[in-house]
All heavy atoms as atom14 arrays in JSON, in Angstrom:
{
  "sequence": "VVESGGGLVQAGGSLRLSCVASGTIFSIKSMSWYRQAPGKQRELVA",
  "atom14_mask": [
    [1, 1, 1, 1, 1, 1, 1, 0, 0, 0, 0, 0, 0, 0],
    [1, 1, 1, 1, 1, 1, 1, 0, 0, 0, 0, 0, 0, 0],
    [1, 1, 1, 1, 1, 1, 1, 1, 1, 0, 0, 0, 0, 0],
    [1, 1, 1, 1, 1, 1, 0, 0, 0, 0, 0, 0, 0, 0],
    [1, 1, 1, 1, 0, 0, 0, 0, 0, 0, 0, 0, 0, 0],
    [1, 1, 1, 1, 0, 0, 0, 0, 0, 0, 0, 0, 0, 0],
    [1, 1, 1, 1, 0, 0, 0, 0, 0, 0, 0, 0, 0, 0],
    [1, 1, 1, 1, 1, 1, 1, 1, 0, 0, 0, 0, 0, 0],
    [1, 1, 1, 1, 1, 1, 1, 0, 0, 0, 0, 0, 0, 0],
    [1, 1, 1, 1, 1, 1, 1, 1, 1, 0, 0, 0, 0, 0],
    [1, 1, 1, 1, 1, 0, 0, 0, 0, 0, 0, 0, 0, 0],
    [1, 1, 1, 1, 0, 0, 0, 0, 0, 0, 0, 0, 0, 0],
    [1, 1, 1, 1, 0, 0, 0, 0, 0, 0, 0, 0, 0, 0],
    [1, 1, 1, 1, 1, 1, 0, 0, 0, 0, 0, 0, 0, 0],
    [1, 1, 1, 1, 1, 1, 1, 1, 0, 0, 0, 0, 0, 0],
    [1, 1, 1, 1, 1, 1, 1, 1, 1, 1, 1, 0, 0, 0],
    [1, 1, 1, 1, 1, 1, 1, 1, 0, 0, 0, 0, 0, 0],
    [1, 1, 1, 1, 1, 1, 0, 0, 0, 0, 0, 0, 0, 0],
    [1, 1, 1, 1, 1, 1, 0, 0, 0, 0, 0, 0, 0, 0],
    [1, 1, 1, 1, 1, 1, 1, 0, 0, 0, 0, 0, 0, 0],
    [1, 1, 1, 1, 1, 0, 0, 0, 0, 0, 0, 0, 0, 0],
    [1, 1, 1, 1, 1, 1, 0, 0, 0, 0, 0, 0, 0, 0],
    [1, 1, 1, 1, 0, 0, 0, 0, 0, 0, 0, 0, 0, 0],
    [1, 1, 1, 1, 1, 1, 1, 0, 0, 0, 0, 0, 0, 0],
    [1, 1, 1, 1, 1, 1, 1, 1, 0, 0, 0, 0, 0, 0],
    [1, 1, 1, 1, 1, 1, 1, 1, 1, 1, 1, 0, 0, 0],
    [1, 1, 1, 1, 1, 1, 0, 0, 0, 0, 0, 0, 0, 0],
    [1, 1, 1, 1, 1, 1, 1, 1, 0, 0, 0, 0, 0, 0],
    [1, 1, 1, 1, 1, 1, 1, 1, 1, 0, 0, 0, 0, 0],
    [1, 1, 1, 1, 1, 1, 0, 0, 0, 0, 0, 0, 0, 0],
    [1, 1, 1, 1, 1, 1, 1, 1, 0, 0, 0, 0, 0, 0],
    [1, 1, 1, 1, 1, 1, 0, 0, 0, 0, 0, 0, 0, 0],
    [1, 1, 1, 1, 1, 1, 1, 1, 1, 1, 1, 1, 1, 1],
    [1, 1, 1, 1, 1, 1, 1, 1, 1, 1, 1, 1, 0, 0],
    [1, 1, 1, 1, 1, 1, 1, 1, 1, 1, 1, 0, 0, 0],
    [1, 1, 1, 1, 1, 1, 1, 1, 1, 0, 0, 0, 0, 0],
    [1, 1, 1, 1, 1, 0, 0, 0, 0, 0, 0, 0, 0, 0],
    [1, 1, 1, 1, 1, 1, 1, 0, 0, 0, 0, 0, 0, 0],
    [1, 1, 1, 1, 0, 0, 0, 0, 0, 0, 0, 0, 0, 0],
    [1, 1, 1, 1, 1, 1, 1, 1, 1, 0, 0, 0, 0, 0],
    [1, 1, 1, 1, 1, 1, 1, 1, 1, 0, 0, 0, 0, 0],
    [1, 1, 1, 1, 1, 1, 1, 1, 1, 1, 1, 0, 0, 0],
    [1, 1, 1, 1, 1, 1, 1, 1, 1, 0, 0, 0, 0, 0],
    [1, 1, 1, 1, 1, 1, 1, 1, 0, 0, 0, 0, 0, 0],
    [1, 1, 1, 1, 1, 1, 1, 0, 0, 0, 0, 0, 0, 0],
    [1, 1, 1, 1, 1, 0, 0, 0, 0, 0, 0, 0, 0, 0]
  ],
  "atom14_positions": [
    [[127.04, 80.9, 45.31], [128.17, 80.42, 44.52], [127.6, 79.6, 43.37], [126.85, 78.65, 43.6], [129.13, 79.57, 45.36], [130.28, 79.07, 44.5], [129.66, 80.38, 46.54], [0.0, 0.0, 0.0], [0.0, 0.0, 0.0], [0.0, 0.0, 0.0], [0.0, 0.0, 0.0], [0.0, 0.0, 0.0], [0.0, 0.0, 0.0], [0.0, 0.0, 0.0]],
    [[127.95, 79.96, 42.16], [127.4, 79.31, 40.97], [128.52, 78.92, 40.03], [129.31, 79.76, 39.61], [126.4, 80.22, 40.24], [125.85, 79.52, 39.0], [125.25, 80.61, 41.17], [0.0, 0.0, 0.0], [0.0, 0.0, 0.0], [0.0, 0.0, 0.0], [0.0, 0.0, 0.0], [0.0, 0.0, 0.0], [0.0, 0.0, 0.0], [0.0, 0.0, 0.0]],
    [[128.57, 77.62, 39.68], [129.54, 77.11, 38.72], [128.86, 76.92, 37.36], [127.66, 76.71, 37.27], [130.12, 75.76, 39.16], [130.7, 75.74, 40.56], [129.76, 75.14, 41.57], [128.52, 75.29, 41.41], [130.25, 74.51, 42.52], [0.0, 0.0, 0.0], [0.0, 0.0, 0.0], [0.0, 0.0, 0.0], [0.0, 0.0, 0.0], [0.0, 0.0, 0.0]],
    [[129.67, 76.95, 36.33], [129.19, 76.67, 34.99], [130.37, 76.21, 34.13], [131.52, 76.36, 34.52], [128.52, 77.9, 34.36], [129.44, 78.97, 34.23], [0.0, 0.0, 0.0], [0.0, 0.0, 0.0], [0.0, 0.0, 0.0], [0.0, 0.0, 0.0], [0.0, 0.0, 0.0], [0.0, 0.0, 0.0], [0.0, 0.0, 0.0], [0.0, 0.0, 0.0]],
    [[130.06, 75.66, 32.97], [131.08, 75.32, 32.01], [131.36, 73.84, 31.84], [132.15, 73.46, 30.97], [0.0, 0.0, 0.0], [0.0, 0.0, 0.0], [0.0, 0.0, 0.0], [0.0, 0.0, 0.0], [0.0, 0.0, 0.0], [0.0, 0.0, 0.0], [0.0, 0.0, 0.0], [0.0, 0.0, 0.0], [0.0, 0.0, 0.0], [0.0, 0.0, 0.0]],
    [[130.73, 72.99, 32.63], [130.93, 71.57, 32.49], [130.31, 71.03, 31.22], [129.56, 71.72, 30.53], [0.0, 0.0, 0.0], [0.0, 0.0, 0.0], [0.0, 0.0, 0.0], [0.0, 0.0, 0.0], [0.0, 0.0, 0.0], [0.0, 0.0, 0.0], [0.0, 0.0, 0.0], [0.0, 0.0, 0.0], [0.0, 0.0, 0.0], [0.0, 0.0, 0.0]],
    [[130.63, 69.79, 30.91], [130.09, 69.17, 29.73], [130.77, 67.86, 29.43], [131.49, 67.3, 30.26], [0.0, 0.0, 0.0], [0.0, 0.0, 0.0], [0.0, 0.0, 0.0], [0.0, 0.0, 0.0], [0.0, 0.0, 0.0], [0.0, 0.0, 0.0], [0.0, 0.0, 0.0], [0.0, 0.0, 0.0], [0.0, 0.0, 0.0], [0.0, 0.0, 0.0]],
    [[130.51, 67.36, 28.23], [131.07, 66.1, 27.76], [132.13, 66.38, 26.71], [131.86, 67.08, 25.72], [129.96, 65.22, 27.17], [130.38, 63.94, 26.48], [131.04, 62.98, 27.47], [129.19, 63.29, 25.81], [0.0, 0.0, 0.0], [0.0, 0.0, 0.0], [0.0, 0.0, 0.0], [0.0, 0.0, 0.0], [0.0, 0.0, 0.0], [0.0, 0.0, 0.0]],
    [[133.32, 65.86, 26.92], [134.41, 66.02, 25.97], [135.13, 64.7, 25.8], [135.07, 63.81, 26.66], [135.42, 67.11, 26.4], [134.74, 68.47, 26.49], [136.06, 66.75, 27.73], [0.0, 0.0, 0.0], [0.0, 0.0, 0.0], [0.0, 0.0, 0.0], [0.0, 0.0, 0.0], [0.0, 0.0, 0.0], [0.0, 0.0, 0.0], [0.0, 0.0, 0.0]],
    [[135.83, 64.57, 24.68], [136.67, 63.41, 24.47], [138.02, 63.59, 25.14], [138.46, 64.71, 25.4], [136.87, 63.16, 22.97], [135.61, 62.75, 22.24], [135.87, 62.33, 20.81], [137.02, 62.31, 20.35], [134.83, 61.98, 20.1], [0.0, 0.0, 0.0], [0.0, 0.0, 0.0], [0.0, 0.0, 0.0], [0.0, 0.0, 0.0], [0.0, 0.0, 0.0]],
    [[138.67, 62.49, 25.44], [140.0, 62.54, 26.02], [140.91, 63.41, 25.16], [140.91, 63.32, 23.94], [140.58, 61.14, 26.16], [0.0, 0.0, 0.0], [0.0, 0.0, 0.0], [0.0, 0.0, 0.0], [0.0, 0.0, 0.0], [0.0, 0.0, 0.0], [0.0, 0.0, 0.0], [0.0, 0.0, 0.0], [0.0, 0.0, 0.0], [0.0, 0.0, 0.0]],
    [[141.68, 64.26, 25.84], [142.55, 65.19, 25.15], [141.93, 66.55, 24.91], [142.65, 67.49, 24.54], [0.0, 0.0, 0.0], [0.0, 0.0, 0.0], [0.0, 0.0, 0.0], [0.0, 0.0, 0.0], [0.0, 0.0, 0.0], [0.0, 0.0, 0.0], [0.0, 0.0, 0.0], [0.0, 0.0, 0.0], [0.0, 0.0, 0.0], [0.0, 0.0, 0.0]],
    [[140.64, 66.67, 25.15], [139.95, 67.93, 24.95], [140.11, 68.87, 26.12], [140.8, 68.59, 27.1], [0.0, 0.0, 0.0], [0.0, 0.0, 0.0], [0.0, 0.0, 0.0], [0.0, 0.0, 0.0], [0.0, 0.0, 0.0], [0.0, 0.0, 0.0], [0.0, 0.0, 0.0], [0.0, 0.0, 0.0], [0.0, 0.0, 0.0], [0.0, 0.0, 0.0]],
    [[139.42, 70.01, 26.02], [139.53, 71.07, 27.02], [138.17, 71.59, 27.42], [137.22, 71.56, 26.64], [140.36, 72.23, 26.47], [141.69, 71.85, 26.17], [0.0, 0.0, 0.0], [0.0, 0.0, 0.0], [0.0, 0.0, 0.0], [0.0, 0.0, 0.0], [0.0, 0.0, 0.0], [0.0, 0.0, 0.0], [0.0, 0.0, 0.0], [0.0, 0.0, 0.0]],
    [[138.09, 72.08, 28.64], [136.93, 72.78, 29.16], [137.41, 73.91, 30.04], [138.49, 73.83, 30.63], [136.02, 71.86, 29.97], [135.14, 70.84, 29.24], [134.47, 69.93, 30.25], [134.1, 71.55, 28.38], [0.0, 0.0, 0.0], [0.0, 0.0, 0.0], [0.0, 0.0, 0.0], [0.0, 0.0, 0.0], [0.0, 0.0, 0.0], [0.0, 0.0, 0.0]],
    [[136.58, 74.93, 30.16], [136.85, 76.02, 31.07], [135.66, 76.2, 31.99], [134.55, 76.51, 31.54], [137.11, 77.33, 30.32], [137.64, 78.45, 31.21], [137.62, 79.78, 30.48], [138.37, 80.81, 31.18], [138.2, 82.11, 31.02], [137.29, 82.57, 30.17], [138.94, 82.97, 31.71], [0.0, 0.0, 0.0], [0.0, 0.0, 0.0], [0.0, 0.0, 0.0]],
    [[135.88, 76.0, 33.28], [134.85, 76.15, 34.28], [134.91, 77.55, 34.88], [135.98, 78.14, 35.01], [135.0, 75.12, 35.39], [135.09, 73.64, 34.98], [135.15, 72.77, 36.23], [133.93, 73.25, 34.09], [0.0, 0.0, 0.0], [0.0, 0.0, 0.0], [0.0, 0.0, 0.0], [0.0, 0.0, 0.0], [0.0, 0.0, 0.0], [0.0, 0.0, 0.0]],
    [[133.74, 78.05, 35.28], [133.65, 79.35, 35.92], [132.93, 79.21, 37.25], [132.03, 78.38, 37.4], [132.89, 80.35, 35.04], [133.55, 80.57, 33.82], [0.0, 0.0, 0.0], [0.0, 0.0, 0.0], [0.0, 0.0, 0.0], [0.0, 0.0, 0.0], [0.0, 0.0, 0.0], [0.0, 0.0, 0.0], [0.0, 0.0, 0.0], [0.0, 0.0, 0.0]],
    [[133.3, 80.03, 38.19], [132.65, 80.09, 39.49], [132.47, 81.56, 39.86], [133.45, 82.31, 39.9], [133.48, 79.37, 40.55], [132.88, 79.59, 42.25], [0.0, 0.0, 0.0], [0.0, 0.0, 0.0], [0.0, 0.0, 0.0], [0.0, 0.0, 0.0], [0.0, 0.0, 0.0], [0.0, 0.0, 0.0], [0.0, 0.0, 0.0], [0.0, 0.0, 0.0]],
    [[131.24, 81.95, 40.15], [130.93, 83.32, 40.5], [130.34, 83.36, 41.9], [129.37, 82.65, 42.19], [129.95, 83.96, 39.51], [129.64, 85.4, 39.91], [130.51, 83.91, 38.09], [0.0, 0.0, 0.0], [0.0, 0.0, 0.0], [0.0, 0.0, 0.0], [0.0, 0.0, 0.0], [0.0, 0.0, 0.0], [0.0, 0.0, 0.0], [0.0, 0.0, 0.0]],
    [[130.91, 84.18, 42.76], [130.4, 84.39, 44.1], [129.72, 85.75, 44.17], [130.24, 86.74, 43.66], [131.52, 84.32, 45.13], [0.0, 0.0, 0.0], [0.0, 0.0, 0.0], [0.0, 0.0, 0.0], [0.0, 0.0, 0.0], [0.0, 0.0, 0.0], [0.0, 0.0, 0.0], [0.0, 0.0, 0.0], [0.0, 0.0, 0.0], [0.0, 0.0, 0.0]],
    [[128.55, 85.79, 44.79], [127.82, 87.04, 44.9], [127.12, 87.1, 46.25], [126.96, 86.09, 46.93], [126.81, 87.19, 43.76], [125.84, 86.15, 43.79], [0.0, 0.0, 0.0], [0.0, 0.0, 0.0], [0.0, 0.0, 0.0], [0.0, 0.0, 0.0], [0.0, 0.0, 0.0], [0.0, 0.0, 0.0], [0.0, 0.0, 0.0], [0.0, 0.0, 0.0]],
    [[126.67, 88.29, 46.62], [125.98, 88.48, 47.88], [126.74, 89.42, 48.79], [127.45, 90.31, 48.34], [0.0, 0.0, 0.0], [0.0, 0.0, 0.0], [0.0, 0.0, 0.0], [0.0, 0.0, 0.0], [0.0, 0.0, 0.0], [0.0, 0.0, 0.0], [0.0, 0.0, 0.0], [0.0, 0.0, 0.0], [0.0, 0.0, 0.0], [0.0, 0.0, 0.0]],
    [[126.57, 89.2, 50.08], [127.2, 90.05, 51.08], [128.61, 89.56, 51.34], [128.83, 88.61, 52.1], [126.38, 90.07, 52.37], [125.03, 90.47, 52.1], [126.98, 91.04, 53.38], [0.0, 0.0, 0.0], [0.0, 0.0, 0.0], [0.0, 0.0, 0.0], [0.0, 0.0, 0.0], [0.0, 0.0, 0.0], [0.0, 0.0, 0.0], [0.0, 0.0, 0.0]],
    [[129.56, 90.2, 50.7], [130.96, 89.79, 50.76], [131.81, 90.99, 51.14], [131.87, 91.97, 50.4], [131.42, 89.21, 49.41], [130.59, 87.98, 49.03], [132.91, 88.86, 49.47], [130.86, 87.48, 47.64], [0.0, 0.0, 0.0], [0.0, 0.0, 0.0], [0.0, 0.0, 0.0], [0.0, 0.0, 0.0], [0.0, 0.0, 0.0], [0.0, 0.0, 0.0]],
    [[132.47, 90.87, 52.26], [133.45, 91.89, 52.63], [134.75, 91.67, 51.87], [135.33, 92.6, 51.31], [133.69, 91.88, 54.14], [134.65, 92.93, 54.61], [134.27, 94.25, 54.69], [135.95, 92.59, 54.97], [135.16, 95.23, 55.12], [136.84, 93.56, 55.4], [136.45, 94.88, 55.48], [0.0, 0.0, 0.0], [0.0, 0.0, 0.0], [0.0, 0.0, 0.0]],
    [[135.19, 90.42, 51.85], [136.35, 90.04, 51.07], [136.35, 88.52, 50.92], [135.73, 87.82, 51.7], [137.66, 90.51, 51.72], [137.86, 89.87, 52.97], [0.0, 0.0, 0.0], [0.0, 0.0, 0.0], [0.0, 0.0, 0.0], [0.0, 0.0, 0.0], [0.0, 0.0, 0.0], [0.0, 0.0, 0.0], [0.0, 0.0, 0.0], [0.0, 0.0, 0.0]],
    [[137.05, 88.06, 49.91], [137.2, 86.62, 49.69], [138.6, 86.21, 50.15], [139.59, 86.77, 49.69], [136.98, 86.26, 48.22], [135.52, 86.5, 47.83], [137.39, 84.81, 47.95], [135.21, 86.21, 46.38], [0.0, 0.0, 0.0], [0.0, 0.0, 0.0], [0.0, 0.0, 0.0], [0.0, 0.0, 0.0], [0.0, 0.0, 0.0], [0.0, 0.0, 0.0]],
    [[138.64, 85.24, 51.03], [139.91, 84.77, 51.56], [140.56, 83.74, 50.64], [141.78, 83.71, 50.5], [139.72, 84.2, 52.96], [139.23, 85.22, 53.97], [138.97, 84.61, 55.33], [140.26, 84.19, 56.0], [140.02, 83.66, 57.37], [0.0, 0.0, 0.0], [0.0, 0.0, 0.0], [0.0, 0.0, 0.0], [0.0, 0.0, 0.0], [0.0, 0.0, 0.0]],
    [[139.73, 82.89, 50.03], [140.25, 81.91, 49.1], [139.11, 81.38, 48.24], [137.95, 81.42, 48.63], [140.95, 80.75, 49.81], [140.02, 79.98, 50.54], [0.0, 0.0, 0.0], [0.0, 0.0, 0.0], [0.0, 0.0, 0.0], [0.0, 0.0, 0.0], [0.0, 0.0, 0.0], [0.0, 0.0, 0.0], [0.0, 0.0, 0.0], [0.0, 0.0, 0.0]],
    [[139.47, 80.87, 47.08], [138.53, 80.17, 46.21], [139.2, 78.87, 45.78], [140.4, 78.86, 45.48], [138.15, 81.0, 45.0], [137.47, 82.33, 45.35], [136.9, 83.29, 43.92], [135.4, 82.39, 43.49], [0.0, 0.0, 0.0], [0.0, 0.0, 0.0], [0.0, 0.0, 0.0], [0.0, 0.0, 0.0], [0.0, 0.0, 0.0], [0.0, 0.0, 0.0]],
    [[138.42, 77.79, 45.76], [138.97, 76.48, 45.49], [138.04, 75.68, 44.61], [136.82, 75.87, 44.62], [139.21, 75.7, 46.79], [140.04, 76.41, 47.69], [0.0, 0.0, 0.0], [0.0, 0.0, 0.0], [0.0, 0.0, 0.0], [0.0, 0.0, 0.0], [0.0, 0.0, 0.0], [0.0, 0.0, 0.0], [0.0, 0.0, 0.0], [0.0, 0.0, 0.0]],
    [[138.62, 74.75, 43.86], [137.88, 73.77, 43.09], [138.06, 72.4, 43.71], [139.2, 71.99, 43.99], [138.33, 73.72, 41.63], [137.86, 74.87, 40.81], [138.59, 75.95, 40.41], [136.55, 75.04, 40.25], [137.83, 76.79, 39.65], [136.57, 76.26, 39.53], [135.38, 74.3, 40.28], [135.45, 76.75, 38.86], [134.27, 74.78, 39.61], [134.31, 75.99, 38.91]],
    [[136.96, 71.71, 43.93], [136.94, 70.32, 44.36], [136.27, 69.48, 43.29], [135.55, 70.0, 42.43], [136.17, 70.17, 45.67], [136.85, 70.72, 46.91], [136.89, 72.09, 47.15], [137.43, 69.87, 47.85], [137.5, 72.6, 48.29], [138.04, 70.36, 48.98], [138.07, 71.73, 49.2], [138.66, 72.22, 50.34], [0.0, 0.0, 0.0], [0.0, 0.0, 0.0]],
    [[136.48, 68.17, 43.36], [135.75, 67.27, 42.48], [135.41, 65.99, 43.23], [136.12, 65.59, 44.16], [136.52, 66.95, 41.21], [137.8, 66.16, 41.4], [138.53, 66.03, 40.07], [139.76, 65.27, 40.2], [140.66, 65.13, 39.24], [140.45, 65.7, 38.04], [141.76, 64.42, 39.44], [0.0, 0.0, 0.0], [0.0, 0.0, 0.0], [0.0, 0.0, 0.0]],
    [[134.32, 65.38, 42.81], [133.89, 64.13, 43.43], [133.37, 63.2, 42.34], [132.41, 63.53, 41.64], [132.82, 64.37, 44.48], [132.46, 63.13, 45.28], [131.74, 63.44, 46.57], [131.15, 64.51, 46.72], [131.8, 62.53, 47.51], [0.0, 0.0, 0.0], [0.0, 0.0, 0.0], [0.0, 0.0, 0.0], [0.0, 0.0, 0.0], [0.0, 0.0, 0.0]],
    [[134.01, 62.06, 42.21], [133.6, 61.04, 41.27], [132.82, 59.96, 42.01], [132.97, 59.79, 43.23], [134.82, 60.42, 40.59], [0.0, 0.0, 0.0], [0.0, 0.0, 0.0], [0.0, 0.0, 0.0], [0.0, 0.0, 0.0], [0.0, 0.0, 0.0], [0.0, 0.0, 0.0], [0.0, 0.0, 0.0], [0.0, 0.0, 0.0], [0.0, 0.0, 0.0]],
    [[131.97, 59.21, 41.3], [131.21, 58.15, 41.96], [132.11, 57.17, 42.68], [133.1, 56.69, 42.13], [130.48, 57.47, 40.79], [130.36, 58.55, 39.76], [131.62, 59.34, 39.88], [0.0, 0.0, 0.0], [0.0, 0.0, 0.0], [0.0, 0.0, 0.0], [0.0, 0.0, 0.0], [0.0, 0.0, 0.0], [0.0, 0.0, 0.0], [0.0, 0.0, 0.0]],
    [[131.78, 56.88, 43.93], [132.56, 55.95, 44.72], [133.87, 56.49, 45.24], [134.64, 55.74, 45.85], [0.0, 0.0, 0.0], [0.0, 0.0, 0.0], [0.0, 0.0, 0.0], [0.0, 0.0, 0.0], [0.0, 0.0, 0.0], [0.0, 0.0, 0.0], [0.0, 0.0, 0.0], [0.0, 0.0, 0.0], [0.0, 0.0, 0.0], [0.0, 0.0, 0.0]],
    [[134.13, 57.75, 45.0], [135.39, 58.35, 45.43], [135.14, 59.47, 46.44], [134.08, 60.1, 46.46], [136.15, 58.92, 44.23], [136.56, 57.89, 43.19], [137.6, 56.94, 43.73], [138.1, 56.0, 42.64], [138.88, 56.73, 41.61], [0.0, 0.0, 0.0], [0.0, 0.0, 0.0], [0.0, 0.0, 0.0], [0.0, 0.0, 0.0], [0.0, 0.0, 0.0]],
    [[136.14, 59.72, 47.25], [136.08, 60.8, 48.21], [136.24, 62.14, 47.49], [136.95, 62.25, 46.49], [137.18, 60.61, 49.26], [137.1, 61.56, 50.44], [138.17, 61.25, 51.47], [139.37, 61.33, 51.18], [137.75, 60.89, 52.67], [0.0, 0.0, 0.0], [0.0, 0.0, 0.0], [0.0, 0.0, 0.0], [0.0, 0.0, 0.0], [0.0, 0.0, 0.0]],
    [[135.59, 63.15, 48.01], [135.75, 64.48, 47.45], [137.22, 64.9, 47.56], [137.86, 64.73, 48.6], [134.85, 65.49, 48.17], [134.9, 66.88, 47.58], [133.83, 67.78, 48.18], [132.49, 67.33, 47.82], [131.37, 67.92, 48.22], [131.44, 69.0, 49.0], [130.2, 67.44, 47.85], [0.0, 0.0, 0.0], [0.0, 0.0, 0.0], [0.0, 0.0, 0.0]],
    [[137.72, 65.47, 46.48], [139.14, 65.76, 46.34], [139.35, 67.23, 46.05], [138.67, 67.81, 45.2], [139.72, 64.9, 45.21], [141.16, 65.18, 44.85], [141.61, 64.39, 43.64], [140.83, 64.3, 42.66], [142.73, 63.84, 43.67], [0.0, 0.0, 0.0], [0.0, 0.0, 0.0], [0.0, 0.0, 0.0], [0.0, 0.0, 0.0], [0.0, 0.0, 0.0]],
    [[140.31, 67.83, 46.72], [140.7, 69.19, 46.41], [141.54, 69.18, 45.13], [142.59, 68.53, 45.08], [141.5, 69.81, 47.56], [142.06, 71.21, 47.33], [140.94, 72.22, 47.12], [142.94, 71.63, 48.5], [0.0, 0.0, 0.0], [0.0, 0.0, 0.0], [0.0, 0.0, 0.0], [0.0, 0.0, 0.0], [0.0, 0.0, 0.0], [0.0, 0.0, 0.0]],
    [[141.09, 69.9, 44.12], [141.78, 69.95, 42.85], [142.78, 71.1, 42.8], [143.93, 70.93, 42.4], [140.78, 70.08, 41.68], [141.5, 70.2, 40.34], [139.82, 68.9, 41.68], [0.0, 0.0, 0.0], [0.0, 0.0, 0.0], [0.0, 0.0, 0.0], [0.0, 0.0, 0.0], [0.0, 0.0, 0.0], [0.0, 0.0, 0.0], [0.0, 0.0, 0.0]],
    [[142.33, 72.28, 43.19], [143.17, 73.46, 43.13], [142.61, 74.51, 44.07], [141.4, 74.6, 44.27], [143.26, 74.02, 41.71], [0.0, 0.0, 0.0], [0.0, 0.0, 0.0], [0.0, 0.0, 0.0], [0.0, 0.0, 0.0], [0.0, 0.0, 0.0], [0.0, 0.0, 0.0], [0.0, 0.0, 0.0], [0.0, 0.0, 0.0], [0.0, 0.0, 0.0]]
  ]
}
């Protein structure tokens, strides 16, 4: 699983992240984005 697309932006800006899964896959049941900030618990985003 490989993510890309992060970076530094100013407030109000936009970014598009990508996630690619590869390998031995019969099917994908779900894909999710999480985030973790310093001092914070990992959070399910979408």
